[in-house]
Amino acid sequence: MDQALQRQTAPQPAGREPADEPMFDLIEALFFAYRDFVGDADRLLLRYNFGRAHHRVLYFVDRRPGLSVAELLDLLRITKQSLSRVLKELLDQAYIEQRPGLADRRQRLLFPTEAGHALALEIALVQSERFARALDRLPAGARAQGAAFLAAVSDSGEIP
C-alpha cells in the first residue's frame, strides 16, 4: 500500500468501530481489491472487445440459466436501456441465446451458449486464482468469514 495512505490511516481500537468515524482502512482495501479483481477480468475481456457490463451479464446468465430479462434487470439494478446494447452484442456474437418462456411466450429467457459458458468459466477461474492466492495467506476459515463479511456489506445480505 502507498506509504502516504498508510500514514493517513490511524490504527483503530479493537471492537466495533463508531459509526461516525470513517473506516478508511476498509474503504481503501475494498477499493484496491475491487480494482485488481475486476482488472483480471478486464484484461481477458479485451480479447473479445467486451467490458465489465458484458461480464456481469454473462456471469449471471451462466450462473442462472433461464433467467428472464426482467429478473436480470432486477438483479443488476439497471435499466432496459443500459442492458440493451450489451445484451445485443452478447446475443449477436453467440455467447448468450434468448428463448421464449414456456408459460408466457412474451417472456425472454436467457441461456449461455457453449462459447458463453466457456468464457464465463475462464473469467471465473482467473478470479478464483486471485482468491486462492489471498486465502493461502490467511488462517483456516477465512473463506467463510470473507463471504459472510461481503454478504453483510451487501444490501441483499445474500451468501451464494
Protein backbone atom coordinates (compact mmCIF):
# COMPACT_ATOMS: atom_id res chain seq x y z
CA MET A 1 0.00 0.00 0.00
CA ASP A 2 1.17 3.51 -0.71
CA GLN A 3 3.08 5.00 2.26
CA ALA A 4 1.07 8.24 2.09
CA LEU A 5 -2.11 6.22 2.52
CA GLN A 6 -0.62 4.27 5.42
CA ARG A 7 0.28 7.50 7.23
CA GLN A 8 -3.29 8.78 6.92
CA THR A 9 -4.83 5.59 8.32
CA ALA A 10 -4.55 5.65 12.08
CA PRO A 11 -4.74 2.32 13.95
CA GLN A 12 -8.26 1.60 15.13
CA PRO A 13 -9.09 0.36 18.63
CA ALA A 14 -10.31 -3.23 18.97
CA GLY A 15 -14.04 -3.84 18.89
CA ARG A 16 -16.86 -2.22 16.98
CA GLU A 17 -16.00 0.95 15.10
CA PRO A 18 -18.04 4.06 15.89
CA ALA A 19 -20.46 4.84 13.06
CA ASP A 20 -19.37 8.47 12.92
CA GLU A 21 -15.73 7.59 12.15
CA PRO A 22 -14.83 6.77 8.54
CA MET A 23 -13.26 3.33 8.13
CA PHE A 24 -10.65 4.47 5.64
CA ASP A 25 -8.63 1.28 6.01
CA LEU A 26 -11.54 -0.91 4.86
CA ILE A 27 -12.74 1.58 2.24
CA GLU A 28 -9.30 1.73 0.66
CA ALA A 29 -8.72 -2.02 0.94
CA LEU A 30 -12.03 -2.71 -0.80
CA PHE A 31 -11.28 -0.12 -3.48
CA PHE A 32 -7.89 -1.63 -4.32
CA ALA A 33 -9.13 -5.23 -4.05
CA TYR A 34 -12.02 -4.48 -6.42
CA ARG A 35 -9.73 -2.65 -8.85
CA ASP A 36 -7.37 -5.59 -9.10
CA PHE A 37 -10.11 -8.26 -9.01
CA VAL A 38 -12.02 -6.77 -11.94
CA GLY A 39 -8.76 -5.84 -13.65
CA ASP A 40 -8.02 -9.54 -14.15
CA ALA A 41 -11.36 -9.97 -15.94
CA ASP A 42 -10.96 -6.68 -17.84
CA ARG A 43 -7.69 -7.82 -19.40
CA LEU A 44 -9.21 -11.12 -20.51
CA LEU A 45 -12.38 -9.45 -21.85
CA LEU A 46 -10.32 -7.07 -24.01
CA ARG A 47 -9.56 -10.01 -26.32
CA TYR A 48 -13.29 -10.17 -27.08
CA ASN A 49 -13.88 -6.40 -27.18
CA PHE A 50 -16.10 -6.79 -24.12
CA GLY A 51 -16.18 -4.79 -20.91
CA ARG A 52 -17.40 -5.10 -17.34
CA ALA A 53 -21.06 -4.81 -18.29
CA HIS A 54 -20.68 -7.80 -20.64
CA HIS A 55 -19.01 -9.72 -17.84
CA ARG A 56 -21.79 -9.03 -15.34
CA VAL A 57 -24.50 -10.10 -17.79
CA LEU A 58 -22.61 -13.20 -18.91
CA TYR A 59 -21.77 -14.15 -15.33
CA PHE A 60 -25.37 -14.13 -14.12
CA VAL A 61 -26.81 -15.75 -17.24
CA ASP A 62 -24.23 -18.52 -16.90
CA ARG A 63 -24.87 -18.97 -13.17
CA ARG A 64 -28.67 -18.87 -13.58
CA PRO A 65 -29.60 -20.35 -16.97
CA GLY A 66 -33.18 -19.48 -17.90
CA LEU A 67 -33.01 -16.13 -16.14
CA SER A 68 -35.57 -13.76 -17.60
CA VAL A 69 -34.55 -10.35 -18.88
CA ALA A 70 -36.75 -8.79 -16.18
CA GLU A 71 -35.00 -10.83 -13.47
CA LEU A 72 -31.60 -9.84 -14.84
CA LEU A 73 -32.56 -6.16 -14.79
CA ASP A 74 -33.70 -6.51 -11.18
CA LEU A 75 -30.60 -8.46 -10.16
CA LEU A 76 -28.18 -5.95 -11.70
CA ARG A 77 -30.33 -2.95 -10.74
CA ILE A 78 -30.00 -1.43 -14.18
CA THR A 79 -32.43 -0.10 -16.78
CA LYS A 80 -33.51 -1.79 -20.01
CA GLN A 81 -31.68 0.93 -21.89
CA SER A 82 -28.36 0.21 -20.21
CA LEU A 83 -28.76 -3.55 -20.77
CA SER A 84 -29.88 -3.30 -24.38
CA ARG A 85 -26.55 -2.75 -26.19
CA VAL A 86 -24.60 -5.22 -24.04
CA LEU A 87 -27.21 -7.96 -24.34
CA LYS A 88 -27.50 -7.41 -28.11
CA GLU A 89 -23.73 -7.82 -28.52
CA LEU A 90 -23.68 -11.00 -26.45
CA LEU A 91 -26.63 -12.38 -28.45
CA ASP A 92 -25.20 -11.34 -31.84
CA GLN A 93 -21.82 -12.91 -31.05
CA ALA A 94 -23.49 -16.11 -29.79
CA TYR A 95 -22.36 -16.00 -26.16
CA ILE A 96 -25.98 -15.90 -24.96
CA GLU A 97 -29.17 -17.16 -26.53
CA GLN A 98 -32.69 -15.96 -25.90
CA ARG A 99 -35.74 -18.25 -25.77
CA PRO A 100 -39.41 -17.52 -25.17
CA GLY A 101 -40.89 -18.54 -21.81
CA LEU A 102 -42.82 -21.79 -21.64
CA ALA A 103 -45.86 -20.36 -19.85
CA ASP A 104 -45.65 -16.85 -21.27
CA ARG A 105 -44.16 -16.70 -24.77
CA ARG A 106 -43.61 -12.94 -24.37
CA GLN A 107 -41.10 -13.62 -21.63
CA ARG A 108 -37.48 -13.66 -22.80
CA LEU A 109 -35.32 -16.27 -21.07
CA LEU A 110 -31.53 -16.10 -21.33
CA PHE A 111 -29.16 -19.04 -21.59
CA PRO A 112 -25.39 -19.21 -22.09
CA THR A 113 -24.19 -20.84 -25.28
CA GLU A 114 -21.27 -23.25 -25.14
CA ALA A 115 -18.95 -20.35 -26.01
CA GLY A 116 -20.61 -18.14 -23.39
CA HIS A 117 -20.23 -20.77 -20.70
CA ALA A 118 -16.58 -21.31 -21.65
CA LEU A 119 -15.83 -17.57 -21.44
CA ALA A 120 -17.67 -17.18 -18.13
CA LEU A 121 -15.73 -20.15 -16.74
CA GLU A 122 -12.40 -18.79 -18.00
CA ILE A 123 -13.02 -15.47 -16.23
CA ALA A 124 -14.21 -17.20 -13.05
CA LEU A 125 -11.07 -19.34 -12.96
CA VAL A 126 -8.82 -16.28 -13.31
CA GLN A 127 -10.67 -14.51 -10.50
CA SER A 128 -10.75 -17.68 -8.37
CA GLU A 129 -6.98 -17.92 -8.67
CA ARG A 130 -6.70 -14.43 -7.12
CA PHE A 131 -8.97 -15.54 -4.26
CA ALA A 132 -6.96 -18.75 -3.78
CA ARG A 133 -3.68 -16.81 -3.52
CA ALA A 134 -5.23 -14.48 -0.95
CA LEU A 135 -6.81 -17.30 1.07
CA ASP A 136 -3.49 -19.18 1.16
CA ARG A 137 -2.09 -16.25 3.17
CA LEU A 138 -4.94 -16.27 5.72
CA PRO A 139 -5.92 -18.60 8.56
CA ALA A 140 -8.33 -21.51 8.16
CA GLY A 141 -11.94 -20.41 7.92
CA ALA A 142 -11.08 -17.15 6.16
CA ARG A 143 -13.16 -18.05 3.09
CA ALA A 144 -16.37 -18.44 5.11
CA GLN A 145 -15.61 -15.30 7.12
CA GLY A 146 -14.86 -13.33 3.97
CA ALA A 147 -18.09 -14.49 2.32
CA ALA A 148 -20.07 -13.59 5.45
CA PHE A 149 -18.44 -10.15 5.62
CA LEU A 150 -19.16 -9.38 1.95
CA ALA A 151 -22.74 -10.60 2.34
CA ALA A 152 -23.18 -8.34 5.35
CA VAL A 153 -21.84 -5.36 3.36
CA SER A 154 -24.29 -6.11 0.52
CA ASP A 155 -27.79 -4.65 0.76
CA SER A 156 -29.26 -8.08 -0.02
CA GLY A 157 -27.16 -9.86 2.62
CA GLU A 158 -27.04 -12.92 0.38
CA ILE A 159 -24.34 -15.53 0.61
CA PRO A 160 -24.36 -17.56 -2.62
